[in-house]
Amino acid sequence: MKLLVLGGTGFVGGATVAEAVRRGWSVTVFNRGVSGSRPEGVHRLRGDRTAPGGLAALADGEWDVVVDTWDGAPRAAGAAARALHGRVGQYVYVSSGSVYAEPVQPGSAEDAPVVDADPDATDGDYPQLKAGAERAVRQVYGDAALIARAGLILGPGEDIGRLPWWLERIARGGEVLAPGPADLPLQYVDARDLAGWLLDRGADRLGGTFNVVSRTGHTTMGELLDACVAVTGADARLRWVDPEPILAAGVVPWNDLPIWIPLGHEYRWLQERDVSRAYAAGLTCRPVAETVADTWRWLRQVGTVPPRAGRPQRAKVGLDPARESALLAGLAPA
């Protein structure tokens, strides 16, 4: 199989390239060539899709599968899709569950309303950019395009820092503010499982839109943090605290305490999407202990969370140590 990845040095793009190389596919990446690295044997085409004439390197060539992870201007996504039309077997666009229009009902499927977005836009917020790019790709490929609306993505290579923050916090040891309940169901996808599904379904030329993330309850907050304690070997003591005092202290779920969104919260739907279509189409998700262990191993190798390839760095996640200490000191004894 011949694969073209538009990007290929970021989190999901890098995982997709690595998986395709592992399978023995012929892999080409298209990017500016100014960040990241690529495995030996991967061919690079240089270009900047935001610049005049920036798609020239894509003028020739044919590929069985194209995977595009673009999260910039929808107009640029459409331009790349048009440039490759007629020379690819399947076009795969990696979108996001963030495209759904709020308020979103927990348990919603792919037919839930999506934010208004212009496929020809040159700017917008993240949901608009992803939704606009979906529409730009569909203008070229119609329902034959494969649109993968990923949820929370974890695993080695993570460039946001959610799971790495928990690993580094627990590695410091001591009493750790653990947001309860411990049996809170989580929903996420390991980047490597996402990549494998993209390649499998791309090779099958499957079209349509899918929420590509684990089932809710694939793991729990307790299992995740216990795995962090186990792999770091730290002298850390998880102090489980109910959501109410945490929220009352102004702690922001998802940002201040990454991954955690308590039941009843307005953004709880981020952990409760219907994924029956993706599972029916072969999605499988590895155990949380494997994701945590491999992320810790990778983090120790690289030393720090890498910058987002080609995109502005997002605000840091996680509580400041002094704030966490103050919150723990103000809570009633366990």
C-alpha atoms as a PDB file:
ATOM      1  CA  MET A   1       0.000   0.000   0.000  1.00  0.00           C
ATOM      2  CA  LYS A   2       1.123   3.535  -0.768  1.00  0.00           C
ATOM      3  CA  LEU A   3       0.342   6.133   1.913  1.00  0.00           C
ATOM      4  CA  LEU A   4       0.575   9.919   1.814  1.00  0.00           C
ATOM      5  CA  VAL A   5       0.344  11.759   5.134  1.00  0.00           C
ATOM      6  CA  LEU A   6      -0.238  15.494   4.955  1.00  0.00           C
ATOM      7  CA  GLY A   7       1.801  16.514   7.975  1.00  0.00           C
ATOM      8  CA  GLY A   8       3.364  13.413   9.450  1.00  0.00           C
ATOM      9  CA  THR A   9       5.580  14.856  12.177  1.00  0.00           C
ATOM     10  CA  GLY A  10       2.954  15.709  14.807  1.00  0.00           C
ATOM     11  CA  PHE A  11       1.188  13.501  17.318  1.00  0.00           C
ATOM     12  CA  VAL A  12      -1.418  11.661  15.240  1.00  0.00           C
ATOM     13  CA  GLY A  13       0.435  12.096  11.954  1.00  0.00           C
ATOM     14  CA  GLY A  14       3.600  10.673  13.468  1.00  0.00           C
ATOM     15  CA  ALA A  15       1.737   7.706  14.924  1.00  0.00           C
ATOM     16  CA  THR A  16       0.146   7.058  11.525  1.00  0.00           C
ATOM     17  CA  VAL A  17       3.497   7.163   9.741  1.00  0.00           C
ATOM     18  CA  ALA A  18       5.070   4.838  12.311  1.00  0.00           C
ATOM     19  CA  GLU A  19       2.232   2.317  12.029  1.00  0.00           C
ATOM     20  CA  ALA A  20       2.344   2.340   8.228  1.00  0.00           C
ATOM     21  CA  VAL A  21       6.118   1.783   8.282  1.00  0.00           C
ATOM     22  CA  ARG A  22       5.634  -1.099  10.719  1.00  0.00           C
ATOM     23  CA  ARG A  23       3.217  -2.652   8.225  1.00  0.00           C
ATOM     24  CA  GLY A  24       5.708  -2.344   5.391  1.00  0.00           C
ATOM     25  CA  TRP A  25       3.758   0.291   3.476  1.00  0.00           C
ATOM     26  CA  SER A  26       5.419   2.783   1.146  1.00  0.00           C
ATOM     27  CA  VAL A  27       5.091   6.086   3.006  1.00  0.00           C
ATOM     28  CA  THR A  28       5.369   9.694   1.822  1.00  0.00           C
ATOM     29  CA  VAL A  29       4.889  12.762   4.001  1.00  0.00           C
ATOM     30  CA  PHE A  30       4.113  16.267   2.807  1.00  0.00           C
ATOM     31  CA  ASN A  31       5.086  19.123   5.102  1.00  0.00           C
ATOM     32  CA  ARG A  32       7.311  22.168   5.397  1.00  0.00           C
ATOM     33  CA  GLY A  33      10.223  20.109   6.621  1.00  0.00           C
ATOM     34  CA  VAL A  34      11.068  22.481   9.446  1.00  0.00           C
ATOM     35  CA  SER A  35      10.066  20.420  12.490  1.00  0.00           C
ATOM     36  CA  GLY A  36       9.958  16.849  13.662  1.00  0.00           C
ATOM     37  CA  SER A  37      11.599  13.825  12.115  1.00  0.00           C
ATOM     38  CA  ARG A  38      10.577  10.863  10.018  1.00  0.00           C
ATOM     39  CA  PRO A  39      11.498   7.176  10.130  1.00  0.00           C
ATOM     40  CA  GLU A  40      14.149   5.862   7.793  1.00  0.00           C
ATOM     41  CA  GLY A  41      12.758   5.068   4.361  1.00  0.00           C
ATOM     42  CA  VAL A  42       9.925   7.603   4.496  1.00  0.00           C
ATOM     43  CA  HIS A  43       9.931   9.950   1.512  1.00  0.00           C
ATOM     44  CA  ARG A  44       9.373  13.653   2.179  1.00  0.00           C
ATOM     45  CA  LEU A  45       7.722  16.168  -0.134  1.00  0.00           C
ATOM     46  CA  ARG A  46       8.274  19.750   0.966  1.00  0.00           C
ATOM     47  CA  GLY A  47       5.584  22.380   0.730  1.00  0.00           C
ATOM     48  CA  ASP A  48       3.495  24.873   2.674  1.00  0.00           C
ATOM     49  CA  ARG A  49      -0.196  24.621   1.867  1.00  0.00           C
ATOM     50  CA  THR A  50      -0.771  28.147   3.184  1.00  0.00           C
ATOM     51  CA  ALA A  51       1.662  29.737   0.715  1.00  0.00           C
ATOM     52  CA  PRO A  52       1.077  30.573  -2.973  1.00  0.00           C
ATOM     53  CA  GLY A  53       2.182  27.579  -5.001  1.00  0.00           C
ATOM     54  CA  GLY A  54       2.789  25.674  -1.797  1.00  0.00           C
ATOM     55  CA  LEU A  55       1.147  22.477  -3.093  1.00  0.00           C
ATOM     56  CA  ALA A  56       3.414  22.147  -6.122  1.00  0.00           C
ATOM     57  CA  ALA A  57       5.153  19.082  -4.712  1.00  0.00           C
ATOM     58  CA  LEU A  58       1.821  17.225  -4.850  1.00  0.00           C
ATOM     59  CA  ALA A  59       1.379  17.754  -8.594  1.00  0.00           C
ATOM     60  CA  ASP A  60       2.530  14.213  -9.392  1.00  0.00           C
ATOM     61  CA  GLY A  61       2.103  10.824  -7.768  1.00  0.00           C
ATOM     62  CA  GLU A  62      -0.638   8.386  -6.828  1.00  0.00           C
ATOM     63  CA  TRP A  63      -1.445   6.919  -3.432  1.00  0.00           C
ATOM     64  CA  ASP A  64      -3.813   4.273  -2.096  1.00  0.00           C
ATOM     65  CA  VAL A  65      -4.579   6.249   1.078  1.00  0.00           C
ATOM     66  CA  VAL A  66      -4.154   9.899   2.053  1.00  0.00           C
ATOM     67  CA  VAL A  67      -4.389  10.883   5.736  1.00  0.00           C
ATOM     68  CA  ASP A  68      -4.773  14.587   6.503  1.00  0.00           C
ATOM     69  CA  THR A  69      -4.554  15.854  10.112  1.00  0.00           C
ATOM     70  CA  TRP A  70      -4.815  19.575   9.259  1.00  0.00           C
ATOM     71  CA  ASP A  71      -6.329  21.884  11.889  1.00  0.00           C
ATOM     72  CA  GLY A  72      -5.734  25.207  10.172  1.00  0.00           C
ATOM     73  CA  ALA A  73      -7.732  27.186   7.626  1.00  0.00           C
ATOM     74  CA  PRO A  74     -10.477  25.128   5.930  1.00  0.00           C
ATOM     75  CA  ARG A  75      -9.588  26.759   2.603  1.00  0.00           C
ATOM     76  CA  ALA A  76      -6.156  25.110   2.782  1.00  0.00           C
ATOM     77  CA  ALA A  77      -7.729  21.717   3.526  1.00  0.00           C
ATOM     78  CA  GLY A  78      -9.918  22.070   0.465  1.00  0.00           C
ATOM     79  CA  ALA A  79      -6.998  23.102  -1.724  1.00  0.00           C
ATOM     80  CA  ALA A  80      -5.029  19.998  -0.760  1.00  0.00           C
ATOM     81  CA  ALA A  81      -8.048  17.758  -1.351  1.00  0.00           C
ATOM     82  CA  ARG A  82      -8.556  19.234  -4.820  1.00  0.00           C
ATOM     83  CA  ALA A  83      -4.868  18.961  -5.673  1.00  0.00           C
ATOM     84  CA  LEU A  84      -4.977  15.202  -5.059  1.00  0.00           C
ATOM     85  CA  HIS A  85      -8.381  14.459  -6.575  1.00  0.00           C
ATOM     86  CA  GLY A  86      -8.301  11.566  -9.030  1.00  0.00           C
ATOM     87  CA  ARG A  87      -4.939  10.286  -7.786  1.00  0.00           C
ATOM     88  CA  VAL A  88      -5.872   8.719  -4.436  1.00  0.00           C
ATOM     89  CA  GLY A  89      -7.802   5.621  -3.513  1.00  0.00           C
ATOM     90  CA  GLN A  90      -9.199   6.967  -0.236  1.00  0.00           C
ATOM     91  CA  TYR A  91      -9.039  10.380   1.410  1.00  0.00           C
ATOM     92  CA  VAL A  92      -9.051  10.296   5.213  1.00  0.00           C
ATOM     93  CA  TYR A  93      -9.499  13.466   7.231  1.00  0.00           C
ATOM     94  CA  VAL A  94      -8.804  13.402  10.971  1.00  0.00           C
ATOM     95  CA  SER A  95     -11.340  15.750  12.530  1.00  0.00           C
ATOM     96  CA  SER A  96     -12.425  16.205  16.148  1.00  0.00           C
ATOM     97  CA  GLY A  97     -15.417  15.710  18.401  1.00  0.00           C
ATOM     98  CA  SER A  98     -15.059  19.424  19.099  1.00  0.00           C
ATOM     99  CA  VAL A  99     -17.064  20.104  15.920  1.00  0.00           C
ATOM    100  CA  TYR A 100     -20.356  19.358  17.705  1.00  0.00           C
ATOM    101  CA  ALA A 101     -22.507  22.396  18.446  1.00  0.00           C
ATOM    102  CA  GLU A 102     -23.106  23.066  22.139  1.00  0.00           C
ATOM    103  CA  PRO A 103     -25.027  22.127  24.126  1.00  0.00           C
ATOM    104  CA  VAL A 104     -24.210  18.531  23.289  1.00  0.00           C
ATOM    105  CA  GLN A 105     -26.183  15.716  24.858  1.00  0.00           C
ATOM    106  CA  PRO A 106     -24.111  12.923  26.410  1.00  0.00           C
ATOM    107  CA  GLY A 107     -24.411   9.806  24.296  1.00  0.00           C
ATOM    108  CA  SER A 108     -24.852  11.719  21.057  1.00  0.00           C
ATOM    109  CA  ALA A 109     -23.841  10.043  17.819  1.00  0.00           C
ATOM    110  CA  GLU A 110     -22.443  11.354  14.546  1.00  0.00           C
ATOM    111  CA  ASP A 111     -25.774  12.871  13.520  1.00  0.00           C
ATOM    112  CA  ALA A 112     -25.648  15.482  16.324  1.00  0.00           C
ATOM    113  CA  PRO A 113     -25.617  19.117  15.096  1.00  0.00           C
ATOM    114  CA  VAL A 114     -22.233  20.548  14.102  1.00  0.00           C
ATOM    115  CA  VAL A 115     -21.047  24.154  14.477  1.00  0.00           C
ATOM    116  CA  ASP A 116     -21.610  26.483  11.553  1.00  0.00           C
ATOM    117  CA  ALA A 117     -18.413  26.632   9.523  1.00  0.00           C
ATOM    118  CA  ASP A 118     -17.304  27.937   6.142  1.00  0.00           C
ATOM    119  CA  PRO A 119     -15.268  25.507   3.995  1.00  0.00           C
ATOM    120  CA  ASP A 120     -13.582  28.516   2.382  1.00  0.00           C
ATOM    121  CA  ALA A 121     -12.668  30.234   5.678  1.00  0.00           C
ATOM    122  CA  THR A 122      -9.132  31.361   6.411  1.00  0.00           C
ATOM    123  CA  ASP A 123      -9.592  31.694  10.170  1.00  0.00           C
ATOM    124  CA  GLY A 124     -11.802  30.632  13.067  1.00  0.00           C
ATOM    125  CA  ASP A 125     -11.733  28.871  16.401  1.00  0.00           C
ATOM    126  CA  TYR A 126     -10.766  25.210  16.637  1.00  0.00           C
ATOM    127  CA  PRO A 127     -14.299  23.758  16.223  1.00  0.00           C
ATOM    128  CA  GLN A 128     -14.930  26.010  13.207  1.00  0.00           C
ATOM    129  CA  LEU A 129     -11.599  25.102  11.631  1.00  0.00           C
ATOM    130  CA  LYS A 130     -12.199  21.380  11.949  1.00  0.00           C
ATOM    131  CA  ALA A 131     -15.848  21.541  10.878  1.00  0.00           C
ATOM    132  CA  GLY A 132     -14.983  23.799   7.953  1.00  0.00           C
ATOM    133  CA  ALA A 133     -12.224  21.446   6.850  1.00  0.00           C
ATOM    134  CA  GLU A 134     -14.639  18.501   6.985  1.00  0.00           C
ATOM    135  CA  ARG A 135     -16.940  20.377   4.636  1.00  0.00           C
ATOM    136  CA  ALA A 136     -14.091  21.394   2.357  1.00  0.00           C
ATOM    137  CA  VAL A 137     -13.003  17.759   2.001  1.00  0.00           C
ATOM    138  CA  ARG A 138     -16.570  16.610   1.374  1.00  0.00           C
ATOM    139  CA  GLN A 139     -16.964  19.216  -1.369  1.00  0.00           C
ATOM    140  CA  VAL A 140     -14.286  17.286  -3.262  1.00  0.00           C
ATOM    141  CA  TYR A 141     -14.876  13.654  -2.259  1.00  0.00           C
ATOM    142  CA  GLY A 142     -18.466  13.649  -1.006  1.00  0.00           C
ATOM    143  CA  ASP A 143     -19.566  10.827   1.270  1.00  0.00           C
ATOM    144  CA  ALA A 144     -16.701   8.686  -0.051  1.00  0.00           C
ATOM    145  CA  ALA A 145     -14.327  10.619   2.216  1.00  0.00           C
ATOM    146  CA  LEU A 146     -13.590   9.066   5.602  1.00  0.00           C
ATOM    147  CA  ILE A 147     -14.069  11.632   8.385  1.00  0.00           C
ATOM    148  CA  ALA A 148     -12.676  10.479  11.737  1.00  0.00           C
ATOM    149  CA  ARG A 149     -13.905  12.635  14.629  1.00  0.00           C
ATOM    150  CA  ALA A 150     -11.366  11.751  17.263  1.00  0.00           C
ATOM    151  CA  GLY A 151     -11.989  12.318  20.943  1.00  0.00           C
ATOM    152  CA  LEU A 152      -9.394  12.706  23.686  1.00  0.00           C
ATOM    153  CA  ILE A 153      -6.142  11.306  22.257  1.00  0.00           C
ATOM    154  CA  LEU A 154      -3.467   9.935  24.581  1.00  0.00           C
ATOM    155  CA  GLY A 155      -0.279   7.945  24.180  1.00  0.00           C
ATOM    156  CA  PRO A 156       3.405   8.393  23.316  1.00  0.00           C
ATOM    157  CA  GLY A 157       4.030  11.607  21.406  1.00  0.00           C
ATOM    158  CA  GLU A 158       1.208  13.568  23.026  1.00  0.00           C
ATOM    159  CA  ASP A 159       1.817  17.264  22.358  1.00  0.00           C
ATOM    160  CA  ILE A 160      -0.863  18.711  24.635  1.00  0.00           C
ATOM    161  CA  GLY A 161       0.500  17.205  27.841  1.00  0.00           C
ATOM    162  CA  ARG A 162      -2.576  15.836  29.606  1.00  0.00           C
ATOM    163  CA  LEU A 163      -1.364  12.354  30.489  1.00  0.00           C
ATOM    164  CA  PRO A 164       2.256  13.574  30.746  1.00  0.00           C
ATOM    165  CA  TRP A 165       1.154  16.102  33.366  1.00  0.00           C
ATOM    166  CA  TRP A 166      -0.346  13.370  35.530  1.00  0.00           C
ATOM    167  CA  LEU A 167       2.740  11.194  35.112  1.00  0.00           C
ATOM    168  CA  GLU A 168       5.118  14.005  36.034  1.00  0.00           C
ATOM    169  CA  ARG A 169       2.948  15.109  38.943  1.00  0.00           C
ATOM    170  CA  ILE A 170       2.749  11.628  40.388  1.00  0.00           C
ATOM    171  CA  ALA A 171       6.458  11.066  39.784  1.00  0.00           C
ATOM    172  CA  ARG A 172       7.167  13.995  42.146  1.00  0.00           C
ATOM    173  CA  GLY A 173       5.503  11.955  44.881  1.00  0.00           C
ATOM    174  CA  GLY A 174       3.750  13.118  48.006  1.00  0.00           C
ATOM    175  CA  GLU A 175       0.030  13.660  48.452  1.00  0.00           C
ATOM    176  CA  VAL A 176      -1.689  14.044  45.075  1.00  0.00           C
ATOM    177  CA  LEU A 177      -5.071  15.699  44.584  1.00  0.00           C
ATOM    178  CA  ALA A 178      -7.053  12.948  42.833  1.00  0.00           C
ATOM    179  CA  PRO A 179     -10.383  14.217  41.473  1.00  0.00           C
ATOM    180  CA  GLY A 180     -13.186  11.792  42.230  1.00  0.00           C
ATOM    181  CA  PRO A 181     -14.970   9.640  42.022  1.00  0.00           C
ATOM    182  CA  ALA A 182     -12.318   6.996  41.431  1.00  0.00           C
ATOM    183  CA  ASP A 183     -14.790   4.981  39.351  1.00  0.00           C
ATOM    184  CA  LEU A 184     -15.522   7.922  37.005  1.00  0.00           C
ATOM    185  CA  PRO A 185     -15.745   6.442  33.479  1.00  0.00           C
ATOM    186  CA  LEU A 186     -13.281   7.814  30.919  1.00  0.00           C
ATOM    187  CA  GLN A 187     -13.390   7.879  27.125  1.00  0.00           C
ATOM    188  CA  TYR A 188     -10.236   8.358  25.048  1.00  0.00           C
ATOM    189  CA  VAL A 189      -8.225   6.754  22.257  1.00  0.00           C
ATOM    190  CA  ASP A 190      -4.558   5.834  22.127  1.00  0.00           C
ATOM    191  CA  ALA A 191      -3.005   7.577  19.091  1.00  0.00           C
ATOM    192  CA  ARG A 192      -1.637   4.241  17.896  1.00  0.00           C
ATOM    193  CA  ASP A 193      -5.091   2.634  17.950  1.00  0.00           C
ATOM    194  CA  LEU A 194      -6.482   5.630  16.096  1.00  0.00           C
ATOM    195  CA  ALA A 195      -3.703   5.357  13.513  1.00  0.00           C
ATOM    196  CA  GLY A 196      -4.279   1.653  13.000  1.00  0.00           C
ATOM    197  CA  TRP A 197      -7.996   2.196  12.471  1.00  0.00           C
ATOM    198  CA  LEU A 198      -7.371   5.013   9.981  1.00  0.00           C
ATOM    199  CA  LEU A 199      -5.077   2.807   7.923  1.00  0.00           C
ATOM    200  CA  ASP A 200      -7.338  -0.246   8.087  1.00  0.00           C
ATOM    201  CA  ARG A 201     -10.439   1.610   7.028  1.00  0.00           C
ATOM    202  CA  GLY A 202      -8.562   3.727   4.504  1.00  0.00           C
ATOM    203  CA  ALA A 203      -7.282   0.569   2.840  1.00  0.00           C
ATOM    204  CA  ASP A 204     -10.867  -0.737   2.810  1.00  0.00           C
ATOM    205  CA  ARG A 205     -11.974   2.557   1.178  1.00  0.00           C
ATOM    206  CA  LEU A 206     -14.602   3.042   3.842  1.00  0.00           C
ATOM    207  CA  GLY A 207     -16.404   6.368   3.655  1.00  0.00           C
ATOM    208  CA  GLY A 208     -18.543   8.271   6.121  1.00  0.00           C
ATOM    209  CA  THR A 209     -18.215  10.002   9.475  1.00  0.00           C
ATOM    210  CA  PHE A 210     -17.211   8.216  12.689  1.00  0.00           C
ATOM    211  CA  ASN A 211     -16.614   9.111  16.330  1.00  0.00           C
ATOM    212  CA  VAL A 212     -13.262   7.384  16.782  1.00  0.00           C
ATOM    213  CA  VAL A 213     -12.674   7.043  20.499  1.00  0.00           C
ATOM    214  CA  SER A 214     -13.075   4.272  23.077  1.00  0.00           C
ATOM    215  CA  ARG A 215     -16.319   3.324  24.708  1.00  0.00           C
ATOM    216  CA  THR A 216     -17.141   5.338  27.812  1.00  0.00           C
ATOM    217  CA  GLY A 217     -15.730   3.372  30.715  1.00  0.00           C
ATOM    218  CA  HIS A 218     -12.898   1.803  28.732  1.00  0.00           C
ATOM    219  CA  THR A 219     -11.095   2.787  31.923  1.00  0.00           C
ATOM    220  CA  THR A 220     -11.758   4.929  34.983  1.00  0.00           C
ATOM    221  CA  MET A 221     -10.021   7.858  36.634  1.00  0.00           C
ATOM    222  CA  GLY A 222      -8.895   5.523  39.395  1.00  0.00           C
ATOM    223  CA  GLU A 223      -7.431   2.954  37.025  1.00  0.00           C
ATOM    224  CA  LEU A 224      -5.616   5.686  35.099  1.00  0.00           C
ATOM    225  CA  LEU A 225      -4.001   7.250  38.171  1.00  0.00           C
ATOM    226  CA  ASP A 226      -3.205   3.880  39.744  1.00  0.00           C
ATOM    227  CA  ALA A 227      -1.385   2.982  36.524  1.00  0.00           C
ATOM    228  CA  CYS A 228       0.573   6.246  36.761  1.00  0.00           C
ATOM    229  CA  VAL A 229       1.637   5.396  40.305  1.00  0.00           C
ATOM    230  CA  ALA A 230       2.657   1.902  39.244  1.00  0.00           C
ATOM    231  CA  VAL A 231       4.787   2.866  36.234  1.00  0.00           C
ATOM    232  CA  THR A 232       6.562   5.782  37.899  1.00  0.00           C
ATOM    233  CA  GLY A 233       7.330   3.811  41.052  1.00  0.00           C
ATOM    234  CA  ALA A 234       6.818   7.040  42.973  1.00  0.00           C
ATOM    235  CA  ASP A 235       6.033   7.433  46.637  1.00  0.00           C
ATOM    236  CA  ALA A 236       2.757   9.130  45.744  1.00  0.00           C
ATOM    237  CA  ARG A 237      -0.436   8.989  47.777  1.00  0.00           C
ATOM    238  CA  LEU A 238      -3.643   9.602  45.863  1.00  0.00           C
ATOM    239  CA  ARG A 239      -6.055  11.660  47.938  1.00  0.00           C
ATOM    240  CA  TRP A 240      -9.457  11.182  46.373  1.00  0.00           C
ATOM    241  CA  VAL A 241     -11.679  14.231  46.671  1.00  0.00           C
ATOM    242  CA  ASP A 242     -15.320  14.574  45.614  1.00  0.00           C
ATOM    243  CA  PRO A 243     -16.014  16.950  42.712  1.00  0.00           C
ATOM    244  CA  GLU A 244     -17.982  19.521  44.731  1.00  0.00           C
ATOM    245  CA  PRO A 245     -15.140  21.053  46.810  1.00  0.00           C
ATOM    246  CA  ILE A 246     -12.804  20.946  43.810  1.00  0.00           C
ATOM    247  CA  LEU A 247     -15.243  22.856  41.618  1.00  0.00           C
ATOM    248  CA  ALA A 248     -16.079  25.253  44.454  1.00  0.00           C
ATOM    249  CA  ALA A 249     -12.378  26.161  44.615  1.00  0.00           C
ATOM    250  CA  GLY A 250     -12.498  27.310  40.999  1.00  0.00           C
ATOM    251  CA  VAL A 251     -10.612  24.353  39.556  1.00  0.00           C
ATOM    252  CA  VAL A 252     -11.412  23.931  35.854  1.00  0.00           C
ATOM    253  CA  PRO A 253     -12.016  20.335  34.744  1.00  0.00           C
ATOM    254  CA  TRP A 254     -10.034  19.164  31.710  1.00  0.00           C
ATOM    255  CA  ASN A 255      -7.559  22.065  31.980  1.00  0.00           C
ATOM    256  CA  ASP A 256      -6.488  22.364  35.632  1.00  0.00           C
ATOM    257  CA  LEU A 257      -6.967  18.645  36.227  1.00  0.00           C
ATOM    258  CA  PRO A 258      -6.436  17.098  32.788  1.00  0.00           C
ATOM    259  CA  ILE A 259      -8.717  14.357  31.460  1.00  0.00           C
ATOM    260  CA  TRP A 260     -11.168  14.724  34.389  1.00  0.00           C
ATOM    261  CA  ILE A 261     -14.736  15.884  33.673  1.00  0.00           C
ATOM    262  CA  PRO A 262     -17.168  15.035  36.492  1.00  0.00           C
ATOM    263  CA  LEU A 263     -20.656  13.676  35.939  1.00  0.00           C
ATOM    264  CA  GLY A 264     -23.217  16.420  35.354  1.00  0.00           C
ATOM    265  CA  HIS A 265     -20.670  18.939  34.093  1.00  0.00           C
ATOM    266  CA  GLU A 266     -21.616  20.864  30.942  1.00  0.00           C
ATOM    267  CA  TYR A 267     -18.686  19.304  29.068  1.00  0.00           C
ATOM    268  CA  ARG A 268     -19.250  15.787  30.294  1.00  0.00           C
ATOM    269  CA  TRP A 269     -20.279  14.861  26.741  1.00  0.00           C
ATOM    270  CA  LEU A 270     -16.573  14.921  25.839  1.00  0.00           C
ATOM    271  CA  GLN A 271     -16.360  11.631  27.746  1.00  0.00           C
ATOM    272  CA  GLU A 272     -19.718  10.215  26.659  1.00  0.00           C
ATOM    273  CA  ARG A 273     -20.065  10.002  22.886  1.00  0.00           C
ATOM    274  CA  ASP A 274     -21.750   7.173  21.001  1.00  0.00           C
ATOM    275  CA  VAL A 275     -19.006   5.127  19.312  1.00  0.00           C
ATOM    276  CA  SER A 276     -21.017   2.158  18.086  1.00  0.00           C
ATOM    277  CA  ARG A 277     -20.264   2.969  14.424  1.00  0.00           C
ATOM    278  CA  ALA A 278     -16.483   2.956  14.925  1.00  0.00           C
ATOM    279  CA  TYR A 279     -16.554  -0.273  16.926  1.00  0.00           C
ATOM    280  CA  ALA A 280     -18.740  -1.899  14.276  1.00  0.00           C
ATOM    281  CA  ALA A 281     -16.065  -0.804  11.792  1.00  0.00           C
ATOM    282  CA  GLY A 282     -13.320  -2.579  13.716  1.00  0.00           C
ATOM    283  CA  LEU A 283     -12.011  -0.100  16.294  1.00  0.00           C
ATOM    284  CA  THR A 284     -10.107  -1.776  19.127  1.00  0.00           C
ATOM    285  CA  CYS A 285      -8.499  -0.022  22.084  1.00  0.00           C
ATOM    286  CA  ARG A 286      -5.548  -1.290  24.108  1.00  0.00           C
ATOM    287  CA  PRO A 287      -5.587  -1.438  27.932  1.00  0.00           C
ATOM    288  CA  VAL A 288      -4.956   1.802  29.817  1.00  0.00           C
ATOM    289  CA  ALA A 289      -1.936   0.293  31.590  1.00  0.00           C
ATOM    290  CA  GLU A 290      -0.192  -0.132  28.230  1.00  0.00           C
ATOM    291  CA  THR A 291      -0.917   3.449  27.160  1.00  0.00           C
ATOM    292  CA  VAL A 292       0.330   4.815  30.493  1.00  0.00           C
ATOM    293  CA  ALA A 293       3.490   2.677  30.566  1.00  0.00           C
ATOM    294  CA  ASP A 294       4.455   3.484  26.992  1.00  0.00           C
ATOM    295  CA  THR A 295       3.794   7.198  27.513  1.00  0.00           C
ATOM    296  CA  TRP A 296       6.012   7.223  30.615  1.00  0.00           C
ATOM    297  CA  ARG A 297       8.786   5.407  28.753  1.00  0.00           C
ATOM    298  CA  TRP A 298       8.575   7.904  25.870  1.00  0.00           C
ATOM    299  CA  LEU A 299       8.420  10.902  28.222  1.00  0.00           C
ATOM    300  CA  ARG A 300      11.595   9.835  29.991  1.00  0.00           C
ATOM    301  CA  GLN A 301      13.316   9.533  26.612  1.00  0.00           C
ATOM    302  CA  VAL A 302      12.289  12.956  25.252  1.00  0.00           C
ATOM    303  CA  GLY A 303      12.400  14.809  28.574  1.00  0.00           C
ATOM    304  CA  THR A 304       9.491  17.152  27.946  1.00  0.00           C
ATOM    305  CA  VAL A 305       6.253  17.442  25.996  1.00  0.00           C
ATOM    306  CA  PRO A 306       7.158  18.464  22.436  1.00  0.00           C
ATOM    307  CA  PRO A 307       5.745  21.567  20.736  1.00  0.00           C
ATOM    308  CA  ARG A 308       2.851  21.057  18.342  1.00  0.00           C
ATOM    309  CA  ALA A 309       4.273  20.492  14.878  1.00  0.00           C
ATOM    310  CA  GLY A 310       3.621  23.532  12.717  1.00  0.00           C
ATOM    311  CA  ARG A 311       0.942  24.985  15.006  1.00  0.00           C
ATOM    312  CA  PRO A 312       0.877  27.503  17.883  1.00  0.00           C
ATOM    313  CA  GLN A 313       1.568  26.015  21.294  1.00  0.00           C
ATOM    314  CA  ARG A 314      -1.550  25.630  23.424  1.00  0.00           C
ATOM    315  CA  ALA A 315      -1.776  26.894  26.975  1.00  0.00           C
ATOM    316  CA  LYS A 316      -0.196  24.572  29.527  1.00  0.00           C
ATOM    317  CA  VAL A 317      -2.482  22.189  31.364  1.00  0.00           C
ATOM    318  CA  GLY A 318      -2.394  21.174  34.994  1.00  0.00           C
ATOM    319  CA  LEU A 319      -2.515  22.737  38.434  1.00  0.00           C
ATOM    320  CA  ASP A 320       0.405  24.774  39.704  1.00  0.00           C
ATOM    321  CA  PRO A 321       2.067  22.868  42.601  1.00  0.00           C
ATOM    322  CA  ALA A 322       1.496  25.721  45.041  1.00  0.00           C
ATOM    323  CA  ARG A 323      -2.182  25.869  44.188  1.00  0.00           C
ATOM    324  CA  GLU A 324      -2.561  22.124  44.576  1.00  0.00           C
ATOM    325  CA  SER A 325      -0.909  22.279  48.009  1.00  0.00           C
ATOM    326  CA  ALA A 326      -3.200  25.100  49.071  1.00  0.00           C
ATOM    327  CA  LEU A 327      -6.263  23.191  47.915  1.00  0.00           C
ATOM    328  CA  LEU A 328      -5.215  20.051  49.772  1.00  0.00           C
ATOM    329  CA  ALA A 329      -4.486  22.043  52.931  1.00  0.00           C
ATOM    330  CA  GLY A 330      -7.920  23.617  52.821  1.00  0.00           C
ATOM    331  CA  LEU A 331      -9.809  20.350  52.514  1.00  0.00           C
ATOM    332  CA  ALA A 332     -11.111  18.385  55.479  1.00  0.00           C
ATOM    333  CA  PRO A 333      -8.813  15.542  56.589  1.00  0.00           C
ATOM    334  CA  ALA A 334      -9.336  12.363  54.610  1.00  0.00           C
END
